[in-house]
Amino acid sequence: MALKVELTHHAREKIKLLQELGFSVSEEQVVQTVLHPDRVESGRRGERIAQRRIGDRHVLRVPYVQRGEKIRIITVYPGRRERYERER
């Protein structure tokens, strides 16, 4: 069975805002970050945070929750690679 991925209204609005600010990111990139991340971390409230490199200086971070075969993307935000790619 394939995973079903949905974006919250907030996540869609955040993608639009990032595009308006000149940070090009698509819904497809967000979904692919969750399905094929470079790394996944635990969030503070039980969510998971998928991360994938986008460009030389940034990563895309996507907090989500998964229940069974359903993934709900909460939001999306860019981060600087030097902050999020260092070893923890």
PDB file of N, CA and C in Angstrom:
ATOM      1  N   MET A   1       0.841  -1.189   0.000  1.00  0.00           N
ATOM      2  CA  MET A   1       0.000   0.000   0.000  1.00  0.00           C
ATOM      3  C   MET A   1       0.885   1.251   0.000  1.00  0.00           C
ATOM      4  N   ALA A   2       0.561   2.201  -0.853  1.00  0.00           N
ATOM      5  CA  ALA A   2       1.335   3.437  -0.962  1.00  0.00           C
ATOM      6  C   ALA A   2       0.949   4.410   0.147  1.00  0.00           C
ATOM      7  N   LEU A   3       1.910   5.208   0.546  1.00  0.00           N
ATOM      8  CA  LEU A   3       1.641   6.232   1.541  1.00  0.00           C
ATOM      9  C   LEU A   3       0.793   7.334   0.924  1.00  0.00           C
ATOM     10  N   LYS A   4      -0.129   7.865   1.708  1.00  0.00           N
ATOM     11  CA  LYS A   4      -0.937   9.002   1.282  1.00  0.00           C
ATOM     12  C   LYS A   4      -0.394  10.235   1.988  1.00  0.00           C
ATOM     13  N   VAL A   5       0.030  11.227   1.205  1.00  0.00           N
ATOM     14  CA  VAL A   5       0.620  12.444   1.761  1.00  0.00           C
ATOM     15  C   VAL A   5      -0.338  13.608   1.541  1.00  0.00           C
ATOM     16  N   GLU A   6      -0.610  14.355   2.614  1.00  0.00           N
ATOM     17  CA  GLU A   6      -1.446  15.550   2.486  1.00  0.00           C
ATOM     18  C   GLU A   6      -0.742  16.727   3.153  1.00  0.00           C
ATOM     19  N   LEU A   7      -0.947  17.893   2.601  1.00  0.00           N
ATOM     20  CA  LEU A   7      -0.396  19.122   3.157  1.00  0.00           C
ATOM     21  C   LEU A   7      -1.509  19.882   3.862  1.00  0.00           C
ATOM     22  N   THR A   8      -1.217  20.417   5.029  1.00  0.00           N
ATOM     23  CA  THR A   8      -2.190  21.257   5.718  1.00  0.00           C
ATOM     24  C   THR A   8      -2.328  22.574   4.974  1.00  0.00           C
ATOM     25  N   HIS A   9      -3.381  23.296   5.274  1.00  0.00           N
ATOM     26  CA  HIS A   9      -3.571  24.639   4.706  1.00  0.00           C
ATOM     27  C   HIS A   9      -2.358  25.504   5.056  1.00  0.00           C
ATOM     28  N   HIS A  10      -1.892  25.394   6.290  1.00  0.00           N
ATOM     29  CA  HIS A  10      -0.737  26.178   6.735  1.00  0.00           C
ATOM     30  C   HIS A  10       0.491  25.873   5.872  1.00  0.00           C
ATOM     31  N   ALA A  11       0.735  24.610   5.590  1.00  0.00           N
ATOM     32  CA  ALA A  11       1.899  24.234   4.780  1.00  0.00           C
ATOM     33  C   ALA A  11       1.792  24.829   3.379  1.00  0.00           C
ATOM     34  N   ARG A  12       0.616  24.780   2.787  1.00  0.00           N
ATOM     35  CA  ARG A  12       0.426  25.370   1.446  1.00  0.00           C
ATOM     36  C   ARG A  12       0.643  26.880   1.467  1.00  0.00           C
ATOM     37  N   GLU A  13       0.141  27.538   2.500  1.00  0.00           N
ATOM     38  CA  GLU A  13       0.329  28.982   2.631  1.00  0.00           C
ATOM     39  C   GLU A  13       1.807  29.320   2.835  1.00  0.00           C
ATOM     40  N   LYS A  14       2.510  28.495   3.589  1.00  0.00           N
ATOM     41  CA  LYS A  14       3.938  28.732   3.834  1.00  0.00           C
ATOM     42  C   LYS A  14       4.733  28.605   2.539  1.00  0.00           C
ATOM     43  N   ILE A  15       4.384  27.637   1.697  1.00  0.00           N
ATOM     44  CA  ILE A  15       5.046  27.484   0.399  1.00  0.00           C
ATOM     45  C   ILE A  15       4.839  28.746  -0.436  1.00  0.00           C
ATOM     46  N   LYS A  16       3.601  29.264  -0.473  1.00  0.00           N
ATOM     47  CA  LYS A  16       3.313  30.494  -1.219  1.00  0.00           C
ATOM     48  C   LYS A  16       4.127  31.663  -0.682  1.00  0.00           C
ATOM     49  N   LEU A  17       4.179  31.792   0.637  1.00  0.00           N
ATOM     50  CA  LEU A  17       4.933  32.881   1.257  1.00  0.00           C
ATOM     51  C   LEU A  17       6.411  32.787   0.900  1.00  0.00           C
ATOM     52  N   LEU A  18       6.974  31.595   0.991  1.00  0.00           N
ATOM     53  CA  LEU A  18       8.391  31.423   0.646  1.00  0.00           C
ATOM     54  C   LEU A  18       8.642  31.817  -0.807  1.00  0.00           C
ATOM     55  N   GLN A  19       7.724  31.436  -1.703  1.00  0.00           N
ATOM     56  CA  GLN A  19       7.868  31.803  -3.115  1.00  0.00           C
ATOM     57  C   GLN A  19       7.814  33.312  -3.289  1.00  0.00           C
ATOM     58  N   GLU A  20       6.912  33.974  -2.573  1.00  0.00           N
ATOM     59  CA  GLU A  20       6.808  35.437  -2.647  1.00  0.00           C
ATOM     60  C   GLU A  20       8.088  36.106  -2.153  1.00  0.00           C
ATOM     61  N   LEU A  21       8.759  35.482  -1.212  1.00  0.00           N
ATOM     62  CA  LEU A  21      10.001  36.025  -0.655  1.00  0.00           C
ATOM     63  C   LEU A  21      11.228  35.640  -1.487  1.00  0.00           C
ATOM     64  N   GLY A  22      10.990  34.935  -2.607  1.00  0.00           N
ATOM     65  CA  GLY A  22      12.087  34.596  -3.505  1.00  0.00           C
ATOM     66  C   GLY A  22      12.761  33.271  -3.207  1.00  0.00           C
ATOM     67  N   PHE A  23      12.175  32.482  -2.299  1.00  0.00           N
ATOM     68  CA  PHE A  23      12.742  31.172  -1.979  1.00  0.00           C
ATOM     69  C   PHE A  23      11.896  30.130  -2.697  1.00  0.00           C
ATOM     70  N   SER A  24      12.368  29.698  -3.847  1.00  0.00           N
ATOM     71  CA  SER A  24      11.589  28.820  -4.711  1.00  0.00           C
ATOM     72  C   SER A  24      11.503  27.405  -4.150  1.00  0.00           C
ATOM     73  N   VAL A  25      10.297  27.004  -3.799  1.00  0.00           N
ATOM     74  CA  VAL A  25      10.042  25.653  -3.313  1.00  0.00           C
ATOM     75  C   VAL A  25       8.642  25.256  -3.791  1.00  0.00           C
ATOM     76  N   SER A  26       8.501  24.015  -4.223  1.00  0.00           N
ATOM     77  CA  SER A  26       7.217  23.541  -4.739  1.00  0.00           C
ATOM     78  C   SER A  26       6.620  22.495  -3.791  1.00  0.00           C
ATOM     79  N   GLU A  27       5.330  22.243  -3.969  1.00  0.00           N
ATOM     80  CA  GLU A  27       4.684  21.189  -3.183  1.00  0.00           C
ATOM     81  C   GLU A  27       5.365  19.849  -3.452  1.00  0.00           C
ATOM     82  N   GLU A  28       5.748  19.610  -4.694  1.00  0.00           N
ATOM     83  CA  GLU A  28       6.417  18.354  -5.047  1.00  0.00           C
ATOM     84  C   GLU A  28       7.740  18.203  -4.297  1.00  0.00           C
ATOM     85  N   GLN A  29       8.514  19.293  -4.185  1.00  0.00           N
ATOM     86  CA  GLN A  29       9.771  19.231  -3.417  1.00  0.00           C
ATOM     87  C   GLN A  29       9.493  18.897  -1.954  1.00  0.00           C
ATOM     88  N   VAL A  30       8.449  19.466  -1.413  1.00  0.00           N
ATOM     89  CA  VAL A  30       8.093  19.223  -0.016  1.00  0.00           C
ATOM     90  C   VAL A  30       7.733  17.751   0.180  1.00  0.00           C
ATOM     91  N   VAL A  31       6.897  17.215  -0.695  1.00  0.00           N
ATOM     92  CA  VAL A  31       6.492  15.809  -0.603  1.00  0.00           C
ATOM     93  C   VAL A  31       7.717  14.898  -0.761  1.00  0.00           C
ATOM     94  N   GLN A  32       8.583  15.190  -1.713  1.00  0.00           N
ATOM     95  CA  GLN A  32       9.770  14.370  -1.931  1.00  0.00           C
ATOM     96  C   GLN A  32      10.724  14.433  -0.739  1.00  0.00           C
ATOM     97  N   THR A  33      10.750  15.567  -0.048  1.00  0.00           N
ATOM     98  CA  THR A  33      11.577  15.679   1.151  1.00  0.00           C
ATOM     99  C   THR A  33      11.113  14.695   2.214  1.00  0.00           C
ATOM    100  N   VAL A  34       9.800  14.543   2.349  1.00  0.00           N
ATOM    101  CA  VAL A  34       9.255  13.599   3.332  1.00  0.00           C
ATOM    102  C   VAL A  34       9.465  12.154   2.879  1.00  0.00           C
ATOM    103  N   LEU A  35       9.256  11.888   1.604  1.00  0.00           N
ATOM    104  CA  LEU A  35       9.359  10.515   1.107  1.00  0.00           C
ATOM    105  C   LEU A  35      10.802  10.045   0.936  1.00  0.00           C
ATOM    106  N   HIS A  36      11.725  10.978   0.652  1.00  0.00           N
ATOM    107  CA  HIS A  36      13.133  10.628   0.404  1.00  0.00           C
ATOM    108  C   HIS A  36      14.066  11.622   1.099  1.00  0.00           C
ATOM    109  N   PRO A  37      14.027  11.676   2.428  1.00  0.00           N
ATOM    110  CA  PRO A  37      14.827  12.670   3.157  1.00  0.00           C
ATOM    111  C   PRO A  37      16.306  12.291   3.217  1.00  0.00           C
ATOM    112  N   ASP A  38      17.134  13.319   3.414  1.00  0.00           N
ATOM    113  CA  ASP A  38      18.542  13.080   3.719  1.00  0.00           C
ATOM    114  C   ASP A  38      18.695  12.658   5.181  1.00  0.00           C
ATOM    115  N   ARG A  39      17.797  13.180   6.020  1.00  0.00           N
ATOM    116  CA  ARG A  39      17.789  12.804   7.443  1.00  0.00           C
ATOM    117  C   ARG A  39      16.414  13.084   8.012  1.00  0.00           C
ATOM    118  N   VAL A  40      16.097  12.406   9.108  1.00  0.00           N
ATOM    119  CA  VAL A  40      14.828  12.610   9.818  1.00  0.00           C
ATOM    120  C   VAL A  40      15.147  12.720  11.300  1.00  0.00           C
ATOM    121  N   GLU A  41      14.555  13.714  11.942  1.00  0.00           N
ATOM    122  CA  GLU A  41      14.744  13.933  13.374  1.00  0.00           C
ATOM    123  C   GLU A  41      13.398  13.895  14.084  1.00  0.00           C
ATOM    124  N   SER A  42      13.453  13.729  15.387  1.00  0.00           N
ATOM    125  CA  SER A  42      12.239  13.832  16.199  1.00  0.00           C
ATOM    126  C   SER A  42      12.030  15.281  16.577  1.00  0.00           C
ATOM    127  N   GLY A  43      10.781  15.739  16.487  1.00  0.00           N
ATOM    128  CA  GLY A  43      10.441  17.096  16.896  1.00  0.00           C
ATOM    129  C   GLY A  43      10.080  17.144  18.368  1.00  0.00           C
ATOM    130  N   ARG A  44       9.825  18.326  18.854  1.00  0.00           N
ATOM    131  CA  ARG A  44       9.533  18.523  20.284  1.00  0.00           C
ATOM    132  C   ARG A  44       8.165  18.010  20.697  1.00  0.00           C
ATOM    133  N   ARG A  45       7.224  17.993  19.756  1.00  0.00           N
ATOM    134  CA  ARG A  45       5.844  17.613  20.098  1.00  0.00           C
ATOM    135  C   ARG A  45       5.453  16.266  19.506  1.00  0.00           C
ATOM    136  N   GLY A  46       6.436  15.421  19.250  1.00  0.00           N
ATOM    137  CA  GLY A  46       6.138  14.099  18.729  1.00  0.00           C
ATOM    138  C   GLY A  46       6.127  13.996  17.218  1.00  0.00           C
ATOM    139  N   GLU A  47       6.247  15.126  16.539  1.00  0.00           N
ATOM    140  CA  GLU A  47       6.292  15.084  15.078  1.00  0.00           C
ATOM    141  C   GLU A  47       7.685  14.666  14.618  1.00  0.00           C
ATOM    142  N   ARG A  48       7.782  14.317  13.364  1.00  0.00           N
ATOM    143  CA  ARG A  48       9.069  14.008  12.741  1.00  0.00           C
ATOM    144  C   ARG A  48       9.419  15.192  11.853  1.00  0.00           C
ATOM    145  N   ILE A  49      10.713  15.433  11.647  1.00  0.00           N
ATOM    146  CA  ILE A  49      11.150  16.516  10.780  1.00  0.00           C
ATOM    147  C   ILE A  49      12.056  15.929   9.710  1.00  0.00           C
ATOM    148  N   ALA A  50      11.546  15.906   8.484  1.00  0.00           N
ATOM    149  CA  ALA A  50      12.334  15.430   7.344  1.00  0.00           C
ATOM    150  C   ALA A  50      13.170  16.596   6.833  1.00  0.00           C
ATOM    151  N   GLN A  51      14.366  16.273   6.390  1.00  0.00           N
ATOM    152  CA  GLN A  51      15.276  17.306   5.896  1.00  0.00           C
ATOM    153  C   GLN A  51      15.934  16.841   4.614  1.00  0.00           C
ATOM    154  N   ARG A  52      16.064  17.766   3.674  1.00  0.00           N
ATOM    155  CA  ARG A  52      16.713  17.457   2.402  1.00  0.00           C
ATOM    156  C   ARG A  52      17.455  18.691   1.905  1.00  0.00           C
ATOM    157  N   ARG A  53      18.630  18.474   1.373  1.00  0.00           N
ATOM    158  CA  ARG A  53      19.449  19.561   0.860  1.00  0.00           C
ATOM    159  C   ARG A  53      18.815  20.157  -0.392  1.00  0.00           C
ATOM    160  N   ILE A  54      18.749  21.487  -0.426  1.00  0.00           N
ATOM    161  CA  ILE A  54      18.292  22.195  -1.627  1.00  0.00           C
ATOM    162  C   ILE A  54      19.282  23.319  -1.893  1.00  0.00           C
ATOM    163  N   GLY A  55      20.142  23.118  -2.822  1.00  0.00           N
ATOM    164  CA  GLY A  55      21.138  24.131  -3.150  1.00  0.00           C
ATOM    165  C   GLY A  55      22.376  24.010  -2.296  1.00  0.00           C
ATOM    166  N   ASP A  56      23.299  24.912  -2.556  1.00  0.00           N
ATOM    167  CA  ASP A  56      24.591  24.875  -1.875  1.00  0.00           C
ATOM    168  C   ASP A  56      24.531  25.334  -0.423  1.00  0.00           C
ATOM    169  N   ARG A  57      23.565  26.194  -0.105  1.00  0.00           N
ATOM    170  CA  ARG A  57      23.570  26.798   1.226  1.00  0.00           C
ATOM    171  C   ARG A  57      22.385  26.430   2.109  1.00  0.00           C
ATOM    172  N   HIS A  58      21.372  25.765   1.549  1.00  0.00           N
ATOM    173  CA  HIS A  58      20.145  25.549   2.324  1.00  0.00           C
ATOM    174  C   HIS A  58      19.678  24.095   2.341  1.00  0.00           C
ATOM    175  N   VAL A  59      18.880  23.825   3.360  1.00  0.00           N
ATOM    176  CA  VAL A  59      18.138  22.568   3.459  1.00  0.00           C
ATOM    177  C   VAL A  59      16.668  22.936   3.578  1.00  0.00           C
ATOM    178  N   LEU A  60      15.813  22.025   3.198  1.00  0.00           N
ATOM    179  CA  LEU A  60      14.380  22.180   3.373  1.00  0.00           C
ATOM    180  C   LEU A  60      13.988  21.290   4.546  1.00  0.00           C
ATOM    181  N   ARG A  61      13.288  21.861   5.523  1.00  0.00           N
ATOM    182  CA  ARG A  61      12.859  21.107   6.699  1.00  0.00           C
ATOM    183  C   ARG A  61      11.338  21.030   6.686  1.00  0.00           C
ATOM    184  N   VAL A  62      10.824  19.805   6.893  1.00  0.00           N
ATOM    185  CA  VAL A  62       9.390  19.564   6.760  1.00  0.00           C
ATOM    186  C   VAL A  62       8.888  18.756   7.962  1.00  0.00           C
ATOM    187  N   PRO A  63       8.296  19.428   8.949  1.00  0.00           N
ATOM    188  CA  PRO A  63       7.677  18.712  10.062  1.00  0.00           C
ATOM    189  C   PRO A  63       6.390  18.016   9.610  1.00  0.00           C
ATOM    190  N   TYR A  64       6.208  16.769  10.068  1.00  0.00           N
ATOM    191  CA  TYR A  64       5.028  15.997   9.674  1.00  0.00           C
ATOM    192  C   TYR A  64       4.684  14.982  10.755  1.00  0.00           C
ATOM    193  N   VAL A  65       3.468  14.471  10.670  1.00  0.00           N
ATOM    194  CA  VAL A  65       3.056  13.362  11.528  1.00  0.00           C
ATOM    195  C   VAL A  65       2.605  12.231  10.614  1.00  0.00           C
ATOM    196  N   GLN A  66       2.856  11.015  11.059  1.00  0.00           N
ATOM    197  CA  GLN A  66       2.438   9.850  10.283  1.00  0.00           C
ATOM    198  C   GLN A  66       1.610   8.945  11.158  1.00  0.00           C
ATOM    199  N   ARG A  67       0.464   8.572  10.627  1.00  0.00           N
ATOM    200  CA  ARG A  67      -0.409   7.608  11.295  1.00  0.00           C
ATOM    201  C   ARG A  67      -0.740   6.541  10.271  1.00  0.00           C
ATOM    202  N   GLY A  68      -0.178   5.373  10.472  1.00  0.00           N
ATOM    203  CA  GLY A  68      -0.368   4.295   9.513  1.00  0.00           C
ATOM    204  C   GLY A  68       0.208   4.679   8.166  1.00  0.00           C
ATOM    205  N   GLU A  69      -0.621   4.624   7.133  1.00  0.00           N
ATOM    206  CA  GLU A  69      -0.182   4.930   5.770  1.00  0.00           C
ATOM    207  C   GLU A  69      -0.410   6.396   5.393  1.00  0.00           C
ATOM    208  N   LYS A  70      -0.832   7.218   6.363  1.00  0.00           N
ATOM    209  CA  LYS A  70      -1.150   8.621   6.083  1.00  0.00           C
ATOM    210  C   LYS A  70      -0.108   9.552   6.694  1.00  0.00           C
ATOM    211  N   ILE A  71       0.435  10.436   5.862  1.00  0.00           N
ATOM    212  CA  ILE A  71       1.400  11.446   6.303  1.00  0.00           C
ATOM    213  C   ILE A  71       0.746  12.809   6.152  1.00  0.00           C
ATOM    214  N   ARG A  72       0.775  13.588   7.217  1.00  0.00           N
ATOM    215  CA  ARG A  72       0.209  14.943   7.208  1.00  0.00           C
ATOM    216  C   ARG A  72       1.347  15.931   7.420  1.00  0.00           C
ATOM    217  N   ILE A  73       1.627  16.728   6.399  1.00  0.00           N
ATOM    218  CA  ILE A  73       2.701  17.721   6.465  1.00  0.00           C
ATOM    219  C   ILE A  73       2.163  18.958   7.172  1.00  0.00           C
ATOM    220  N   ILE A  74       2.838  19.334   8.248  1.00  0.00           N
ATOM    221  CA  ILE A  74       2.382  20.427   9.097  1.00  0.00           C
ATOM    222  C   ILE A  74       2.804  21.777   8.550  1.00  0.00           C
ATOM    223  N   THR A  75       4.078  21.911   8.215  1.00  0.00           N
ATOM    224  CA  THR A  75       4.621  23.168   7.702  1.00  0.00           C
ATOM    225  C   THR A  75       5.906  22.861   6.954  1.00  0.00           C
ATOM    226  N   VAL A  76       6.561  23.894   6.498  1.00  0.00           N
ATOM    227  CA  VAL A  76       7.809  23.747   5.764  1.00  0.00           C
ATOM    228  C   VAL A  76       8.631  25.009   5.994  1.00  0.00           C
ATOM    229  N   TYR A  77       9.933  24.840   6.136  1.00  0.00           N
ATOM    230  CA  TYR A  77      10.784  26.023   6.279  1.00  0.00           C
ATOM    231  C   TYR A  77      12.193  25.706   5.807  1.00  0.00           C
ATOM    232  N   PRO A  78      12.862  26.716   5.261  1.00  0.00           N
ATOM    233  CA  PRO A  78      14.252  26.534   4.847  1.00  0.00           C
ATOM    234  C   PRO A  78      15.169  26.739   6.046  1.00  0.00           C
ATOM    235  N   GLY A  79      16.333  26.151   5.965  1.00  0.00           N
ATOM    236  CA  GLY A  79      17.343  26.347   6.994  1.00  0.00           C
ATOM    237  C   GLY A  79      18.709  26.401   6.353  1.00  0.00           C
ATOM    238  N   ARG A  80      19.642  26.987   7.050  1.00  0.00           N
ATOM    239  CA  ARG A  80      21.015  27.030   6.550  1.00  0.00           C
ATOM    240  C   ARG A  80      21.684  25.694   6.804  1.00  0.00           C
ATOM    241  N   ARG A  81      22.396  25.228   5.799  1.00  0.00           N
ATOM    242  CA  ARG A  81      23.050  23.926   5.914  1.00  0.00           C
ATOM    243  C   ARG A  81      23.985  23.864   7.110  1.00  0.00           C
ATOM    244  N   GLU A  82      24.751  24.927   7.351  1.00  0.00           N
ATOM    245  CA  GLU A  82      25.719  24.868   8.453  1.00  0.00           C
ATOM    246  C   GLU A  82      25.044  24.690   9.810  1.00  0.00           C
ATOM    247  N   ARG A  83      23.798  25.098   9.929  1.00  0.00           N
ATOM    248  CA  ARG A  83      23.086  24.900  11.196  1.00  0.00           C
ATOM    249  C   ARG A  83      22.553  23.484  11.338  1.00  0.00           C
ATOM    250  N   TYR A  84      22.000  22.928  10.259  1.00  0.00           N
ATOM    251  CA  TYR A  84      21.292  21.661  10.367  1.00  0.00           C
ATOM    252  C   TYR A  84      22.048  20.442   9.890  1.00  0.00           C
ATOM    253  N   GLU A  85      23.155  20.614   9.215  1.00  0.00           N
ATOM    254  CA  GLU A  85      23.872  19.444   8.702  1.00  0.00           C
ATOM    255  C   GLU A  85      25.048  19.028   9.565  1.00  0.00           C
ATOM    256  N   ARG A  86      25.373  19.792  10.579  1.00  0.00           N
ATOM    257  CA  ARG A  86      26.478  19.377  11.436  1.00  0.00           C
ATOM    258  C   ARG A  86      26.072  18.140  12.231  1.00  0.00           C
ATOM    259  N   GLU A  87      27.049  17.381  12.594  1.00  0.00           N
ATOM    260  CA  GLU A  87      26.784  16.134  13.332  1.00  0.00           C
ATOM    261  C   GLU A  87      26.210  16.457  14.699  1.00  0.00           C
ATOM    262  N   ARG A  88      25.256  15.661  15.118  1.00  0.00           N
ATOM    263  CA  ARG A  88      24.626  15.875  16.433  1.00  0.00           C
ATOM    264  C   ARG A  88      24.986  14.763  17.365  1.00  0.00           C
TER     265      ARG A  88
END
